[in-house]
Amino acid sequence: MSGEARGKQDNTLDILNQQLTSISAENQFLTFKIEEEEYGVDVLRVQEIIRYHEPTKIPNTPDIIKGVINFRGEVIPVIDLRKKFGFPYREYDNFTVIIVLEVREKILGIIVDQVSDILSFSSEDIQRTLEFSSDINVEFIDGMAKLDERLIMLLKLDMLLNFNELGAINRLGEKIDSEDEGNRDVETDNNNEDDENSDSKIYLPEKDDERVDNCSNS
């Protein structure tokens, strides 16, 4: 992406983040793309949109968990929504973003191909009942919004993760909390050790310069 295009993308993120801070109405959705499909999430659940950066990988976690990032001083898990939805792998680019949002009272990030806009839909614009074959999991789909020729799939965030994925997120959170507590304990021990060392320091008397000179002359 050229510098000009990157600047436009940054401006888009800034504008959307500013809008997020002032929205309080229901039936407003942050929309984004994965492949050529459009999705929407309740804007009241969104905390911030940030440019993609590589998460820190955590071993022994499900494939959809890309890793963790530092968000406002908190370590949060990041979900690869492309992998969650079964789309083929593709390289992340300068349009890729992480949407930080709340899912089941937990803060996490979802990686999407591109963020689009914040849209409002009336109840007439949203079809809540969708008919699919019984072998297709649609629990996390809240409905389909229609806007001109566009169809936007609205996600039910609390149903986005299955039982195993949610369990992995919970265990990851417990691990992060325990490591933070351990680091605080180590830091406290080090501070105490430094205090003890400072109390036990041996201070040598300063040399008597005159005595040294006399000895040298003799």
N, C-alpha and C. Protein backbone atom coordinates (compact mmCIF):
# COMPACT_ATOMS: atom_id res chain seq x y z
N MET A 1 0.85 -1.19 0.00
CA MET A 1 0.00 0.00 0.00
C MET A 1 0.88 1.23 0.00
N SER A 2 0.54 2.23 -0.81
CA SER A 2 1.30 3.46 -0.88
C SER A 2 1.10 4.27 0.40
N GLY A 3 2.00 5.25 0.59
CA GLY A 3 1.87 6.10 1.76
C GLY A 3 0.56 6.85 1.77
N GLU A 4 0.10 7.28 0.59
CA GLU A 4 -1.16 8.01 0.51
C GLU A 4 -2.34 7.13 0.90
N ALA A 5 -2.35 5.89 0.39
CA ALA A 5 -3.44 4.96 0.72
C ALA A 5 -3.42 4.61 2.21
N ARG A 6 -2.22 4.44 2.76
CA ARG A 6 -2.11 4.13 4.18
C ARG A 6 -2.63 5.30 5.02
N GLY A 7 -2.33 6.51 4.58
CA GLY A 7 -2.83 7.68 5.30
C GLY A 7 -4.34 7.74 5.29
N LYS A 8 -4.95 7.41 4.15
CA LYS A 8 -6.42 7.40 4.07
C LYS A 8 -7.01 6.35 5.01
N GLN A 9 -6.35 5.16 5.06
CA GLN A 9 -6.83 4.11 5.95
C GLN A 9 -6.73 4.55 7.41
N ASP A 10 -5.63 5.21 7.79
CA ASP A 10 -5.49 5.71 9.15
C ASP A 10 -6.56 6.75 9.47
N ASN A 11 -6.86 7.61 8.49
CA ASN A 11 -7.91 8.61 8.69
C ASN A 11 -9.26 7.94 8.92
N THR A 12 -9.52 6.87 8.17
CA THR A 12 -10.77 6.13 8.33
C THR A 12 -10.89 5.57 9.75
N LEU A 13 -9.80 4.98 10.24
CA LEU A 13 -9.80 4.43 11.59
C LEU A 13 -10.03 5.53 12.62
N ASP A 14 -9.38 6.66 12.43
CA ASP A 14 -9.55 7.78 13.37
C ASP A 14 -11.00 8.26 13.40
N ILE A 15 -11.60 8.40 12.22
CA ILE A 15 -12.98 8.87 12.14
C ILE A 15 -13.93 7.88 12.81
N LEU A 16 -13.76 6.59 12.51
CA LEU A 16 -14.64 5.58 13.09
C LEU A 16 -14.47 5.52 14.61
N ASN A 17 -13.23 5.61 15.09
CA ASN A 17 -13.01 5.57 16.53
C ASN A 17 -13.63 6.78 17.22
N GLN A 18 -13.59 7.93 16.57
CA GLN A 18 -14.24 9.11 17.13
C GLN A 18 -15.76 8.92 17.19
N GLN A 19 -16.32 8.31 16.16
CA GLN A 19 -17.76 8.05 16.16
C GLN A 19 -18.13 7.06 17.26
N LEU A 20 -17.27 6.09 17.52
CA LEU A 20 -17.57 5.09 18.55
C LEU A 20 -17.75 5.73 19.92
N THR A 21 -17.03 6.80 20.19
CA THR A 21 -17.08 7.42 21.52
C THR A 21 -18.37 8.19 21.75
N SER A 22 -19.11 8.49 20.67
CA SER A 22 -20.31 9.32 20.83
C SER A 22 -21.61 8.59 20.53
N ILE A 23 -21.53 7.29 20.25
CA ILE A 23 -22.73 6.53 19.88
C ILE A 23 -23.37 5.92 21.12
N SER A 24 -24.67 6.07 21.24
CA SER A 24 -25.39 5.48 22.36
C SER A 24 -26.68 4.79 21.93
N ALA A 25 -27.03 4.88 20.67
CA ALA A 25 -28.30 4.33 20.19
C ALA A 25 -28.15 2.86 19.82
N GLU A 26 -29.27 2.13 19.90
CA GLU A 26 -29.29 0.74 19.49
C GLU A 26 -29.48 0.65 17.98
N ASN A 27 -29.31 -0.59 17.48
CA ASN A 27 -29.45 -0.88 16.05
C ASN A 27 -28.45 -0.11 15.19
N GLN A 28 -27.27 0.16 15.76
CA GLN A 28 -26.16 0.68 14.99
C GLN A 28 -25.05 -0.36 15.01
N PHE A 29 -24.44 -0.55 13.85
CA PHE A 29 -23.50 -1.66 13.70
C PHE A 29 -22.22 -1.19 13.03
N LEU A 30 -21.10 -1.69 13.56
CA LEU A 30 -19.82 -1.52 12.87
C LEU A 30 -19.71 -2.63 11.84
N THR A 31 -19.51 -2.26 10.59
CA THR A 31 -19.46 -3.25 9.51
C THR A 31 -18.02 -3.45 9.03
N PHE A 32 -17.74 -4.65 8.59
CA PHE A 32 -16.39 -5.00 8.13
C PHE A 32 -16.49 -6.13 7.12
N LYS A 33 -15.38 -6.40 6.45
CA LYS A 33 -15.35 -7.43 5.41
C LYS A 33 -14.39 -8.55 5.76
N ILE A 34 -14.80 -9.76 5.37
CA ILE A 34 -13.90 -10.91 5.29
C ILE A 34 -14.17 -11.54 3.93
N GLU A 35 -13.11 -11.69 3.13
CA GLU A 35 -13.29 -12.00 1.72
C GLU A 35 -14.19 -10.91 1.11
N GLU A 36 -15.23 -11.30 0.40
CA GLU A 36 -16.14 -10.31 -0.18
C GLU A 36 -17.44 -10.17 0.62
N GLU A 37 -17.50 -10.85 1.76
CA GLU A 37 -18.71 -10.83 2.57
C GLU A 37 -18.64 -9.71 3.60
N GLU A 38 -19.80 -9.12 3.88
CA GLU A 38 -19.88 -8.05 4.87
C GLU A 38 -20.56 -8.56 6.13
N TYR A 39 -20.00 -8.12 7.28
CA TYR A 39 -20.53 -8.51 8.58
C TYR A 39 -20.72 -7.26 9.43
N GLY A 40 -21.55 -7.38 10.44
CA GLY A 40 -21.78 -6.27 11.34
C GLY A 40 -21.83 -6.74 12.78
N VAL A 41 -21.31 -5.90 13.70
CA VAL A 41 -21.39 -6.19 15.13
C VAL A 41 -21.99 -4.97 15.82
N ASP A 42 -22.70 -5.21 16.91
CA ASP A 42 -23.32 -4.15 17.69
C ASP A 42 -22.25 -3.14 18.10
N VAL A 43 -22.43 -1.90 17.69
CA VAL A 43 -21.40 -0.90 17.91
C VAL A 43 -21.20 -0.61 19.40
N LEU A 44 -22.21 -0.86 20.22
CA LEU A 44 -22.08 -0.62 21.65
C LEU A 44 -21.14 -1.61 22.32
N ARG A 45 -20.81 -2.69 21.62
CA ARG A 45 -19.88 -3.69 22.18
C ARG A 45 -18.44 -3.43 21.74
N VAL A 46 -18.25 -2.47 20.86
CA VAL A 46 -16.92 -2.20 20.30
C VAL A 46 -16.19 -1.17 21.15
N GLN A 47 -14.94 -1.47 21.48
CA GLN A 47 -14.12 -0.55 22.27
C GLN A 47 -13.23 0.32 21.39
N GLU A 48 -12.63 -0.30 20.40
CA GLU A 48 -11.71 0.47 19.53
C GLU A 48 -11.35 -0.37 18.32
N ILE A 49 -10.94 0.32 17.26
CA ILE A 49 -10.42 -0.34 16.05
C ILE A 49 -8.95 0.04 15.95
N ILE A 50 -8.07 -0.94 15.85
CA ILE A 50 -6.64 -0.65 15.80
C ILE A 50 -6.02 -1.32 14.57
N ARG A 51 -4.96 -0.72 14.08
CA ARG A 51 -4.24 -1.31 12.95
C ARG A 51 -3.65 -2.66 13.37
N TYR A 52 -3.68 -3.61 12.45
CA TYR A 52 -3.17 -4.94 12.77
C TYR A 52 -1.68 -4.91 13.08
N HIS A 53 -1.30 -5.58 14.16
CA HIS A 53 0.10 -5.89 14.42
C HIS A 53 0.17 -7.31 14.95
N GLU A 54 1.28 -7.95 14.74
CA GLU A 54 1.42 -9.38 15.02
C GLU A 54 1.25 -9.66 16.51
N PRO A 55 0.26 -10.48 16.87
CA PRO A 55 0.10 -10.84 18.28
C PRO A 55 1.23 -11.76 18.75
N THR A 56 1.43 -11.80 20.04
CA THR A 56 2.37 -12.74 20.64
C THR A 56 1.70 -14.11 20.71
N LYS A 57 2.33 -15.10 20.10
CA LYS A 57 1.73 -16.44 20.01
C LYS A 57 1.79 -17.14 21.37
N ILE A 58 0.74 -17.89 21.67
CA ILE A 58 0.64 -18.66 22.90
C ILE A 58 0.53 -20.14 22.52
N PRO A 59 1.41 -21.01 23.03
CA PRO A 59 1.33 -22.43 22.67
C PRO A 59 0.10 -23.12 23.25
N ASN A 60 -0.28 -24.21 22.60
CA ASN A 60 -1.36 -25.08 23.08
C ASN A 60 -2.70 -24.35 23.18
N THR A 61 -2.98 -23.52 22.19
CA THR A 61 -4.29 -22.86 22.11
C THR A 61 -4.93 -23.22 20.77
N PRO A 62 -6.25 -23.13 20.65
CA PRO A 62 -6.91 -23.44 19.37
C PRO A 62 -6.39 -22.57 18.23
N ASP A 63 -6.50 -23.09 17.02
CA ASP A 63 -5.96 -22.39 15.85
C ASP A 63 -6.55 -21.00 15.67
N ILE A 64 -7.80 -20.81 16.07
CA ILE A 64 -8.42 -19.51 15.82
C ILE A 64 -7.85 -18.41 16.73
N ILE A 65 -7.19 -18.82 17.83
CA ILE A 65 -6.57 -17.82 18.72
C ILE A 65 -5.20 -17.47 18.16
N LYS A 66 -5.11 -16.29 17.60
CA LYS A 66 -3.86 -15.86 16.95
C LYS A 66 -2.77 -15.55 17.95
N GLY A 67 -3.15 -15.17 19.14
CA GLY A 67 -2.18 -14.82 20.18
C GLY A 67 -2.79 -13.77 21.10
N VAL A 68 -1.92 -12.98 21.70
CA VAL A 68 -2.37 -11.93 22.61
C VAL A 68 -1.67 -10.62 22.24
N ILE A 69 -2.33 -9.50 22.59
CA ILE A 69 -1.75 -8.18 22.39
C ILE A 69 -1.94 -7.36 23.67
N ASN A 70 -1.16 -6.29 23.75
CA ASN A 70 -1.31 -5.34 24.85
C ASN A 70 -2.28 -4.24 24.40
N PHE A 71 -3.41 -4.17 25.08
CA PHE A 71 -4.40 -3.15 24.75
C PHE A 71 -4.66 -2.30 25.98
N ARG A 72 -4.23 -1.05 25.93
CA ARG A 72 -4.40 -0.11 27.05
C ARG A 72 -3.88 -0.69 28.35
N GLY A 73 -2.75 -1.37 28.27
CA GLY A 73 -2.13 -1.92 29.47
C GLY A 73 -2.65 -3.28 29.89
N GLU A 74 -3.63 -3.81 29.17
CA GLU A 74 -4.18 -5.13 29.48
C GLU A 74 -3.81 -6.10 28.35
N VAL A 75 -3.47 -7.33 28.73
CA VAL A 75 -3.18 -8.37 27.75
C VAL A 75 -4.49 -9.05 27.37
N ILE A 76 -4.84 -9.01 26.08
CA ILE A 76 -6.11 -9.58 25.64
C ILE A 76 -5.87 -10.58 24.51
N PRO A 77 -6.71 -11.63 24.40
CA PRO A 77 -6.58 -12.59 23.30
C PRO A 77 -7.10 -12.00 22.00
N VAL A 78 -6.58 -12.52 20.90
CA VAL A 78 -6.99 -12.08 19.57
C VAL A 78 -7.44 -13.28 18.75
N ILE A 79 -8.65 -13.17 18.17
CA ILE A 79 -9.24 -14.25 17.39
C ILE A 79 -9.12 -13.93 15.90
N ASP A 80 -8.70 -14.91 15.11
CA ASP A 80 -8.66 -14.75 13.66
C ASP A 80 -10.02 -15.15 13.11
N LEU A 81 -10.83 -14.16 12.77
CA LEU A 81 -12.20 -14.44 12.34
C LEU A 81 -12.23 -15.14 10.98
N ARG A 82 -11.24 -14.89 10.13
CA ARG A 82 -11.15 -15.59 8.85
C ARG A 82 -11.03 -17.10 9.08
N LYS A 83 -10.18 -17.48 10.02
CA LYS A 83 -10.01 -18.91 10.32
C LYS A 83 -11.26 -19.47 11.01
N LYS A 84 -11.86 -18.67 11.88
CA LYS A 84 -13.07 -19.10 12.57
C LYS A 84 -14.18 -19.43 11.58
N PHE A 85 -14.29 -18.63 10.53
CA PHE A 85 -15.36 -18.83 9.55
C PHE A 85 -14.97 -19.78 8.44
N GLY A 86 -13.77 -20.35 8.49
CA GLY A 86 -13.38 -21.37 7.52
C GLY A 86 -12.92 -20.83 6.19
N PHE A 87 -12.55 -19.54 6.11
CA PHE A 87 -12.03 -19.00 4.86
C PHE A 87 -10.57 -19.39 4.69
N PRO A 88 -10.10 -19.49 3.44
CA PRO A 88 -8.69 -19.85 3.22
C PRO A 88 -7.75 -18.76 3.72
N TYR A 89 -6.54 -19.18 4.03
CA TYR A 89 -5.54 -18.24 4.54
C TYR A 89 -5.17 -17.22 3.48
N ARG A 90 -4.91 -16.00 3.93
CA ARG A 90 -4.33 -14.98 3.06
C ARG A 90 -3.45 -14.08 3.90
N GLU A 91 -2.49 -13.46 3.26
CA GLU A 91 -1.57 -12.59 3.98
C GLU A 91 -2.31 -11.38 4.55
N TYR A 92 -1.92 -10.99 5.76
CA TYR A 92 -2.44 -9.75 6.32
C TYR A 92 -1.81 -8.58 5.57
N ASP A 93 -2.60 -7.53 5.38
CA ASP A 93 -2.06 -6.36 4.67
C ASP A 93 -2.39 -5.10 5.46
N ASN A 94 -2.20 -3.95 4.84
CA ASN A 94 -2.39 -2.69 5.55
C ASN A 94 -3.86 -2.33 5.75
N PHE A 95 -4.77 -3.10 5.15
CA PHE A 95 -6.20 -2.90 5.41
C PHE A 95 -6.67 -3.75 6.60
N THR A 96 -5.88 -4.75 6.97
CA THR A 96 -6.25 -5.64 8.06
C THR A 96 -6.27 -4.87 9.38
N VAL A 97 -7.33 -5.07 10.16
CA VAL A 97 -7.44 -4.38 11.45
C VAL A 97 -7.85 -5.38 12.53
N ILE A 98 -7.67 -4.95 13.76
CA ILE A 98 -8.17 -5.69 14.92
C ILE A 98 -9.28 -4.86 15.56
N ILE A 99 -10.45 -5.45 15.66
CA ILE A 99 -11.57 -4.80 16.33
C ILE A 99 -11.61 -5.31 17.77
N VAL A 100 -11.44 -4.41 18.72
CA VAL A 100 -11.46 -4.78 20.14
C VAL A 100 -12.89 -4.61 20.64
N LEU A 101 -13.45 -5.69 21.20
CA LEU A 101 -14.85 -5.65 21.62
C LEU A 101 -15.08 -6.55 22.83
N GLU A 102 -16.30 -6.49 23.32
CA GLU A 102 -16.67 -7.27 24.51
C GLU A 102 -17.48 -8.49 24.09
N VAL A 103 -17.05 -9.65 24.56
CA VAL A 103 -17.75 -10.91 24.32
C VAL A 103 -17.88 -11.64 25.65
N ARG A 104 -19.10 -11.80 26.10
CA ARG A 104 -19.36 -12.49 27.37
C ARG A 104 -18.56 -11.89 28.50
N GLU A 105 -18.61 -10.59 28.62
CA GLU A 105 -17.95 -9.84 29.69
C GLU A 105 -16.43 -9.95 29.64
N LYS A 106 -15.90 -10.36 28.50
CA LYS A 106 -14.45 -10.41 28.31
C LYS A 106 -14.08 -9.50 27.14
N ILE A 107 -12.92 -8.88 27.25
CA ILE A 107 -12.43 -8.04 26.17
C ILE A 107 -11.48 -8.86 25.30
N LEU A 108 -11.73 -8.88 24.01
CA LEU A 108 -10.85 -9.59 23.09
C LEU A 108 -10.84 -8.86 21.75
N GLY A 109 -9.91 -9.24 20.90
CA GLY A 109 -9.81 -8.65 19.58
C GLY A 109 -10.18 -9.66 18.51
N ILE A 110 -10.77 -9.17 17.41
CA ILE A 110 -11.03 -10.04 16.26
C ILE A 110 -10.32 -9.43 15.04
N ILE A 111 -9.64 -10.27 14.30
CA ILE A 111 -8.93 -9.83 13.10
C ILE A 111 -9.87 -9.92 11.91
N VAL A 112 -10.00 -8.82 11.16
CA VAL A 112 -10.86 -8.81 9.97
C VAL A 112 -10.06 -8.21 8.81
N ASP A 113 -10.53 -8.50 7.59
CA ASP A 113 -9.81 -8.05 6.41
C ASP A 113 -9.83 -6.54 6.24
N GLN A 114 -10.97 -5.94 6.55
CA GLN A 114 -11.12 -4.51 6.31
C GLN A 114 -12.35 -3.99 7.04
N VAL A 115 -12.21 -2.85 7.68
CA VAL A 115 -13.37 -2.22 8.33
C VAL A 115 -14.06 -1.32 7.33
N SER A 116 -15.39 -1.25 7.42
CA SER A 116 -16.16 -0.51 6.41
C SER A 116 -16.75 0.79 6.95
N ASP A 117 -17.75 0.67 7.83
CA ASP A 117 -18.50 1.86 8.21
C ASP A 117 -19.33 1.55 9.46
N ILE A 118 -19.95 2.58 10.00
CA ILE A 118 -20.95 2.42 11.06
C ILE A 118 -22.30 2.73 10.44
N LEU A 119 -23.21 1.75 10.50
CA LEU A 119 -24.51 1.88 9.83
C LEU A 119 -25.64 1.69 10.82
N SER A 120 -26.75 2.36 10.54
CA SER A 120 -27.98 2.19 11.33
C SER A 120 -29.00 1.42 10.50
N PHE A 121 -29.72 0.50 11.15
CA PHE A 121 -30.75 -0.27 10.47
C PHE A 121 -32.04 -0.19 11.29
N SER A 122 -33.14 -0.02 10.61
CA SER A 122 -34.43 -0.14 11.28
C SER A 122 -34.77 -1.62 11.41
N SER A 123 -35.74 -1.92 12.25
CA SER A 123 -36.13 -3.32 12.43
C SER A 123 -36.65 -3.93 11.14
N GLU A 124 -37.22 -3.09 10.26
CA GLU A 124 -37.71 -3.58 8.97
C GLU A 124 -36.56 -3.97 8.03
N ASP A 125 -35.39 -3.41 8.28
CA ASP A 125 -34.24 -3.70 7.42
C ASP A 125 -33.56 -5.02 7.78
N ILE A 126 -33.93 -5.61 8.92
CA ILE A 126 -33.22 -6.78 9.42
C ILE A 126 -34.13 -7.99 9.38
N GLN A 127 -33.68 -9.02 8.70
CA GLN A 127 -34.40 -10.30 8.68
C GLN A 127 -33.77 -11.20 9.73
N ARG A 128 -34.53 -11.49 10.78
CA ARG A 128 -33.99 -12.25 11.91
C ARG A 128 -34.02 -13.75 11.67
N THR A 129 -35.01 -14.23 10.93
CA THR A 129 -35.16 -15.67 10.72
C THR A 129 -34.49 -16.07 9.41
N LEU A 130 -33.50 -16.95 9.52
CA LEU A 130 -32.78 -17.41 8.33
C LEU A 130 -32.94 -18.93 8.23
N GLU A 131 -33.19 -19.39 7.04
CA GLU A 131 -33.40 -20.82 6.82
C GLU A 131 -32.18 -21.42 6.13
N PHE A 132 -31.48 -22.27 6.88
CA PHE A 132 -30.34 -23.01 6.34
C PHE A 132 -30.55 -24.48 6.66
N SER A 133 -29.76 -25.32 6.03
CA SER A 133 -29.83 -26.74 6.33
C SER A 133 -29.36 -26.97 7.76
N SER A 134 -29.81 -28.07 8.35
CA SER A 134 -29.59 -28.33 9.78
C SER A 134 -28.11 -28.53 10.11
N ASP A 135 -27.26 -28.86 9.13
CA ASP A 135 -25.84 -29.11 9.42
C ASP A 135 -25.01 -27.83 9.39
N ILE A 136 -25.62 -26.69 9.15
CA ILE A 136 -24.89 -25.42 9.13
C ILE A 136 -25.13 -24.70 10.45
N ASN A 137 -24.03 -24.34 11.12
CA ASN A 137 -24.13 -23.66 12.40
C ASN A 137 -24.40 -22.17 12.18
N VAL A 138 -25.58 -21.73 12.56
CA VAL A 138 -25.94 -20.32 12.40
C VAL A 138 -26.27 -19.68 13.75
N GLU A 139 -25.81 -20.32 14.84
CA GLU A 139 -26.13 -19.79 16.17
C GLU A 139 -25.57 -18.40 16.38
N PHE A 140 -24.43 -18.11 15.74
CA PHE A 140 -23.80 -16.80 15.96
C PHE A 140 -24.30 -15.73 14.98
N ILE A 141 -25.28 -16.08 14.15
CA ILE A 141 -25.84 -15.10 13.21
C ILE A 141 -27.13 -14.54 13.80
N ASP A 142 -27.16 -13.24 14.00
CA ASP A 142 -28.31 -12.60 14.63
C ASP A 142 -29.36 -12.19 13.59
N GLY A 143 -28.95 -12.11 12.34
CA GLY A 143 -29.88 -11.71 11.29
C GLY A 143 -29.13 -11.20 10.08
N MET A 144 -29.90 -10.86 9.06
CA MET A 144 -29.34 -10.34 7.81
C MET A 144 -29.92 -8.96 7.56
N ALA A 145 -29.03 -7.96 7.48
CA ALA A 145 -29.48 -6.59 7.23
C ALA A 145 -29.40 -6.29 5.74
N LYS A 146 -30.40 -5.56 5.26
CA LYS A 146 -30.46 -5.21 3.84
C LYS A 146 -30.27 -3.70 3.68
N LEU A 147 -29.34 -3.33 2.83
CA LEU A 147 -29.09 -1.92 2.55
C LEU A 147 -28.86 -1.79 1.05
N ASP A 148 -29.87 -1.28 0.34
CA ASP A 148 -29.82 -1.23 -1.13
C ASP A 148 -29.56 -2.64 -1.65
N GLU A 149 -28.45 -2.81 -2.36
CA GLU A 149 -28.13 -4.13 -2.90
C GLU A 149 -27.21 -4.93 -1.98
N ARG A 150 -26.87 -4.38 -0.86
CA ARG A 150 -25.93 -5.04 0.05
C ARG A 150 -26.67 -5.90 1.07
N LEU A 151 -26.07 -7.04 1.39
CA LEU A 151 -26.53 -7.89 2.47
C LEU A 151 -25.42 -7.97 3.51
N ILE A 152 -25.76 -7.64 4.75
CA ILE A 152 -24.77 -7.59 5.82
C ILE A 152 -25.19 -8.55 6.92
N MET A 153 -24.32 -9.52 7.19
CA MET A 153 -24.62 -10.54 8.18
C MET A 153 -24.30 -9.99 9.57
N LEU A 154 -25.31 -9.92 10.42
CA LEU A 154 -25.13 -9.39 11.77
C LEU A 154 -24.77 -10.53 12.72
N LEU A 155 -23.71 -10.32 13.49
CA LEU A 155 -23.18 -11.38 14.35
C LEU A 155 -23.72 -11.26 15.78
N LYS A 156 -24.05 -12.40 16.34
CA LYS A 156 -24.44 -12.47 17.75
C LYS A 156 -23.17 -12.80 18.54
N LEU A 157 -22.55 -11.79 19.12
CA LEU A 157 -21.21 -11.93 19.66
C LEU A 157 -21.12 -12.97 20.79
N ASP A 158 -22.15 -13.04 21.62
CA ASP A 158 -22.09 -13.98 22.74
C ASP A 158 -22.15 -15.44 22.28
N MET A 159 -22.53 -15.67 21.03
CA MET A 159 -22.56 -17.02 20.48
C MET A 159 -21.41 -17.27 19.51
N LEU A 160 -20.50 -16.31 19.41
CA LEU A 160 -19.44 -16.41 18.40
C LEU A 160 -18.47 -17.55 18.70
N LEU A 161 -18.18 -17.77 19.97
CA LEU A 161 -17.23 -18.81 20.37
C LEU A 161 -17.97 -20.03 20.87
N ASN A 162 -17.51 -21.22 20.47
CA ASN A 162 -18.13 -22.43 20.99
C ASN A 162 -17.57 -22.74 22.39
N PHE A 163 -18.05 -23.82 22.98
CA PHE A 163 -17.69 -24.14 24.36
C PHE A 163 -16.19 -24.32 24.52
N ASN A 164 -15.56 -25.07 23.61
CA ASN A 164 -14.12 -25.33 23.72
C ASN A 164 -13.30 -24.06 23.54
N GLU A 165 -13.72 -23.23 22.58
CA GLU A 165 -12.99 -21.98 22.32
C GLU A 165 -13.11 -21.03 23.50
N LEU A 166 -14.31 -20.95 24.07
CA LEU A 166 -14.51 -20.09 25.23
C LEU A 166 -13.71 -20.59 26.43
N GLY A 167 -13.66 -21.92 26.58
CA GLY A 167 -12.85 -22.49 27.66
C GLY A 167 -11.38 -22.16 27.50
N ALA A 168 -10.89 -22.20 26.26
CA ALA A 168 -9.49 -21.86 26.01
C ALA A 168 -9.21 -20.40 26.33
N ILE A 169 -10.15 -19.53 25.99
CA ILE A 169 -10.01 -18.10 26.30
C ILE A 169 -9.96 -17.91 27.82
N ASN A 170 -10.84 -18.61 28.55
CA ASN A 170 -10.86 -18.49 30.01
C ASN A 170 -9.55 -18.97 30.62
N ARG A 171 -9.04 -20.10 30.13
CA ARG A 171 -7.78 -20.63 30.67
C ARG A 171 -6.61 -19.69 30.35
N LEU A 172 -6.66 -19.12 29.16
CA LEU A 172 -5.61 -18.17 28.78
C LEU A 172 -5.65 -16.96 29.70
N GLY A 173 -6.85 -16.47 30.00
CA GLY A 173 -6.97 -15.33 30.90
C GLY A 173 -6.44 -15.65 32.29
N GLU A 174 -6.74 -16.87 32.79
CA GLU A 174 -6.25 -17.27 34.11
C GLU A 174 -4.72 -17.36 34.11
N LYS A 175 -4.15 -17.86 33.01
CA LYS A 175 -2.69 -17.97 32.91
C LYS A 175 -2.05 -16.59 32.91
N ILE A 176 -2.64 -15.67 32.17
CA ILE A 176 -2.09 -14.31 32.11
C ILE A 176 -2.17 -13.65 33.48
N ASP A 177 -3.31 -13.84 34.17
CA ASP A 177 -3.47 -13.24 35.50
C ASP A 177 -2.45 -13.80 36.48
N SER A 178 -2.22 -15.13 36.43
CA SER A 178 -1.27 -15.74 37.36
C SER A 178 0.15 -15.29 37.07
N GLU A 179 0.50 -15.13 35.79
CA GLU A 179 1.83 -14.65 35.44
C GLU A 179 2.03 -13.21 35.89
N ASP A 180 0.98 -12.38 35.74
CA ASP A 180 1.06 -11.00 36.20
C ASP A 180 1.28 -10.95 37.71
N GLU A 181 0.56 -11.81 38.44
CA GLU A 181 0.71 -11.84 39.88
C GLU A 181 2.10 -12.31 40.27
N GLY A 182 2.61 -13.32 39.53
CA GLY A 182 3.97 -13.79 39.79
C GLY A 182 5.01 -12.73 39.54
N ASN A 183 4.82 -11.96 38.45
CA ASN A 183 5.78 -10.89 38.15
C ASN A 183 5.75 -9.81 39.23
N ARG A 184 4.55 -9.52 39.75
CA ARG A 184 4.46 -8.52 40.82
C ARG A 184 5.16 -9.02 42.08
N ASP A 185 5.03 -10.32 42.38
CA ASP A 185 5.70 -10.88 43.55
C ASP A 185 7.21 -10.80 43.40
N VAL A 186 7.72 -11.14 42.21
CA VAL A 186 9.15 -11.08 41.96
C VAL A 186 9.67 -9.66 42.10
N GLU A 187 8.89 -8.71 41.55
CA GLU A 187 9.29 -7.31 41.64
C GLU A 187 9.34 -6.86 43.09
N THR A 188 8.36 -7.29 43.91
CA THR A 188 8.36 -6.94 45.33
C THR A 188 9.55 -7.53 46.04
N ASP A 189 9.88 -8.82 45.74
CA ASP A 189 11.04 -9.48 46.36
C ASP A 189 12.32 -8.76 45.99
N ASN A 190 12.44 -8.36 44.71
CA ASN A 190 13.65 -7.66 44.27
C ASN A 190 13.80 -6.33 44.99
N ASN A 191 12.67 -5.62 45.16
CA ASN A 191 12.72 -4.34 45.86
C ASN A 191 13.14 -4.52 47.31
N ASN A 192 12.61 -5.59 47.95
CA ASN A 192 12.99 -5.86 49.33
C ASN A 192 14.46 -6.21 49.44
N GLU A 193 14.96 -7.00 48.46
CA GLU A 193 16.36 -7.39 48.45
C GLU A 193 17.27 -6.18 48.28
N ASP A 194 16.84 -5.25 47.39
CA ASP A 194 17.61 -4.04 47.19
C ASP A 194 17.69 -3.23 48.47
N ASP A 195 16.56 -3.17 49.22
CA ASP A 195 16.55 -2.43 50.48
C ASP A 195 17.49 -3.05 51.49
N GLU A 196 17.48 -4.42 51.55
CA GLU A 196 18.36 -5.10 52.49
C GLU A 196 19.82 -4.88 52.12
N ASN A 197 20.12 -4.93 50.83
CA ASN A 197 21.50 -4.73 50.38
C ASN A 197 21.98 -3.33 50.71
N SER A 198 21.07 -2.34 50.54
CA SER A 198 21.46 -0.97 50.82
C SER A 198 21.75 -0.78 52.31
N ASP A 199 21.05 -1.54 53.19
CA ASP A 199 21.27 -1.42 54.63
C ASP A 199 22.58 -2.09 55.05
N SER A 200 23.04 -3.10 54.27
CA SER A 200 24.22 -3.86 54.67
C SER A 200 25.48 -3.44 53.94
N LYS A 201 25.42 -2.34 53.23
CA LYS A 201 26.62 -1.88 52.51
C LYS A 201 27.71 -1.49 53.49
N ILE A 202 28.97 -1.77 53.16
CA ILE A 202 30.13 -1.38 53.98
C ILE A 202 30.76 -0.16 53.34
N TYR A 203 30.86 0.88 54.08
CA TYR A 203 31.45 2.12 53.58
C TYR A 203 32.87 2.24 54.10
N LEU A 204 33.84 2.34 53.19
CA LEU A 204 35.25 2.47 53.56
C LEU A 204 35.55 3.92 53.90
N PRO A 205 36.42 4.16 54.89
CA PRO A 205 36.79 5.54 55.21
C PRO A 205 37.56 6.16 54.07
N GLU A 206 37.39 7.46 53.90
CA GLU A 206 38.11 8.15 52.85
C GLU A 206 39.60 8.17 53.17
N LYS A 207 40.41 8.13 52.13
CA LYS A 207 41.86 8.17 52.31
C LYS A 207 42.29 9.53 52.86
N ASP A 208 43.31 9.49 53.73
CA ASP A 208 43.91 10.72 54.23
C ASP A 208 44.98 11.14 53.25
N ASP A 209 44.66 12.13 52.41
CA ASP A 209 45.59 12.52 51.34
C ASP A 209 46.93 12.95 51.88
N GLU A 210 46.91 13.66 53.05
CA GLU A 210 48.17 14.16 53.61
C GLU A 210 49.06 13.01 54.03
N ARG A 211 48.44 11.94 54.66
CA ARG A 211 49.20 10.79 55.09
C ARG A 211 49.81 10.06 53.91
N VAL A 212 49.04 9.95 52.81
CA VAL A 212 49.55 9.28 51.63
C VAL A 212 50.73 10.03 51.06
N ASP A 213 50.65 11.35 51.03
CA ASP A 213 51.76 12.15 50.50
C ASP A 213 53.01 11.97 51.34
N ASN A 214 52.86 11.97 52.69
CA ASN A 214 54.02 11.81 53.57
C ASN A 214 54.69 10.48 53.38
N CYS A 215 53.88 9.46 53.26
CA CYS A 215 54.42 8.10 53.04
C CYS A 215 55.18 8.04 51.73
N SER A 216 54.65 8.73 50.74
CA SER A 216 55.28 8.68 49.43
C SER A 216 56.64 9.39 49.49
N ASN A 217 56.71 10.51 50.24
CA ASN A 217 57.96 11.29 50.31
C ASN A 217 59.02 10.54 51.09
N SER A 218 58.57 9.76 52.09
CA SER A 218 59.54 9.01 52.90
C SER A 218 60.09 7.84 52.11
